[in-house]
Amino acid sequence: MVQQFMSVKETAEYLNMSVPWVYRDAARVGLVPYRFGRGRNAKLQFKVSEVQAWVKQQRPSGG
């Protein structure tokens, strides 16, 4: 089965960013976090397809 979600660490590695950046800035730049669980034990994850689409949008157009 194809993985639908990435953990914060996987997202950070995919984007070549730090884990703190993902927690602090990902939502601000347009990446939608999904929260699994409640309270302090909640896991933040990101949809693989949305992260990939966001990356494509960040590429400079033209050449």
C-alpha atoms as a PDB file:
ATOM      1  CA  MET A   1       0.000   0.000   0.000  1.00  0.00           C
ATOM      2  CA  VAL A   2       1.250   3.479  -0.856  1.00  0.00           C
ATOM      3  CA  GLN A   3       2.078   5.633   2.139  1.00  0.00           C
ATOM      4  CA  GLN A   4      -0.407   8.510   2.419  1.00  0.00           C
ATOM      5  CA  PHE A   5       1.143  10.447   5.295  1.00  0.00           C
ATOM      6  CA  MET A   6       4.636  11.474   6.341  1.00  0.00           C
ATOM      7  CA  SER A   7       5.780  12.117   9.885  1.00  0.00           C
ATOM      8  CA  VAL A   8       7.274  15.478  10.802  1.00  0.00           C
ATOM      9  CA  LYS A   9      10.760  13.952  10.558  1.00  0.00           C
ATOM     10  CA  GLU A  10      10.069  12.428   7.139  1.00  0.00           C
ATOM     11  CA  THR A  11       8.582  15.713   5.931  1.00  0.00           C
ATOM     12  CA  ALA A  12      11.633  17.632   7.160  1.00  0.00           C
ATOM     13  CA  GLU A  13      13.965  15.204   5.378  1.00  0.00           C
ATOM     14  CA  TYR A  14      11.916  15.359   2.168  1.00  0.00           C
ATOM     15  CA  LEU A  15      11.992  19.169   2.195  1.00  0.00           C
ATOM     16  CA  ASN A  16      15.623  19.320   3.351  1.00  0.00           C
ATOM     17  CA  MET A  17      14.511  21.441   6.303  1.00  0.00           C
ATOM     18  CA  SER A  18      14.837  21.038  10.064  1.00  0.00           C
ATOM     19  CA  VAL A  19      12.221  19.375  12.251  1.00  0.00           C
ATOM     20  CA  PRO A  20      11.697  22.632  14.226  1.00  0.00           C
ATOM     21  CA  TRP A  21      11.063  24.448  10.911  1.00  0.00           C
ATOM     22  CA  VAL A  22       8.324  21.948  10.063  1.00  0.00           C
ATOM     23  CA  TYR A  23       6.631  22.450  13.449  1.00  0.00           C
ATOM     24  CA  ARG A  24       7.004  26.235  13.405  1.00  0.00           C
ATOM     25  CA  ASP A  25       6.660  27.289   9.763  1.00  0.00           C
ATOM     26  CA  ALA A  26       5.127  24.553   7.605  1.00  0.00           C
ATOM     27  CA  ALA A  27       1.525  25.646   8.204  1.00  0.00           C
ATOM     28  CA  ARG A  28       2.496  29.293   7.668  1.00  0.00           C
ATOM     29  CA  VAL A  29       3.902  28.564   4.198  1.00  0.00           C
ATOM     30  CA  GLY A  30       0.871  26.522   3.136  1.00  0.00           C
ATOM     31  CA  LEU A  31       1.530  22.931   4.183  1.00  0.00           C
ATOM     32  CA  VAL A  32      -1.503  21.530   5.962  1.00  0.00           C
ATOM     33  CA  PRO A  33      -0.685  19.513   9.103  1.00  0.00           C
ATOM     34  CA  TYR A  34      -2.970  16.645  10.108  1.00  0.00           C
ATOM     35  CA  ARG A  35      -3.185  15.871  13.820  1.00  0.00           C
ATOM     36  CA  PHE A  36      -3.663  12.263  14.912  1.00  0.00           C
ATOM     37  CA  GLY A  37      -4.550  11.822  18.566  1.00  0.00           C
ATOM     38  CA  ARG A  38      -5.187  14.380  21.284  1.00  0.00           C
ATOM     39  CA  GLY A  39      -3.223  16.606  23.596  1.00  0.00           C
ATOM     40  CA  ARG A  40       0.488  16.167  24.164  1.00  0.00           C
ATOM     41  CA  ASN A  41       0.513  12.744  22.510  1.00  0.00           C
ATOM     42  CA  ALA A  42      -0.955  14.003  19.227  1.00  0.00           C
ATOM     43  CA  LYS A  43       1.102  13.129  16.163  1.00  0.00           C
ATOM     44  CA  LEU A  44       1.459  15.739  13.451  1.00  0.00           C
ATOM     45  CA  GLN A  45       1.652  14.338   9.930  1.00  0.00           C
ATOM     46  CA  PHE A  46       1.510  15.679   6.398  1.00  0.00           C
ATOM     47  CA  LYS A  47      -0.175  14.195   3.334  1.00  0.00           C
ATOM     48  CA  VAL A  48       2.479  12.983   0.889  1.00  0.00           C
ATOM     49  CA  SER A  49       0.577  14.212  -2.182  1.00  0.00           C
ATOM     50  CA  GLU A  50       0.102  17.686  -0.664  1.00  0.00           C
ATOM     51  CA  VAL A  51       3.783  17.997   0.266  1.00  0.00           C
ATOM     52  CA  GLN A  52       4.788  16.961  -3.263  1.00  0.00           C
ATOM     53  CA  ALA A  53       2.342  19.466  -4.793  1.00  0.00           C
ATOM     54  CA  TRP A  54       3.654  22.222  -2.513  1.00  0.00           C
ATOM     55  CA  VAL A  55       7.236  21.488  -3.575  1.00  0.00           C
ATOM     56  CA  LYS A  56       6.261  21.760  -7.261  1.00  0.00           C
ATOM     57  CA  GLN A  57       4.662  25.153  -6.586  1.00  0.00           C
ATOM     58  CA  GLN A  58       7.902  26.417  -5.004  1.00  0.00           C
ATOM     59  CA  ARG A  59       9.999  25.833  -8.103  1.00  0.00           C
ATOM     60  CA  PRO A  60      10.814  29.065  -9.906  1.00  0.00           C
ATOM     61  CA  SER A  61       8.997  29.312 -13.210  1.00  0.00           C
ATOM     62  CA  GLY A  62      10.807  30.126 -16.412  1.00  0.00           C
ATOM     63  CA  GLY A  63      14.463  29.571 -17.003  1.00  0.00           C
END
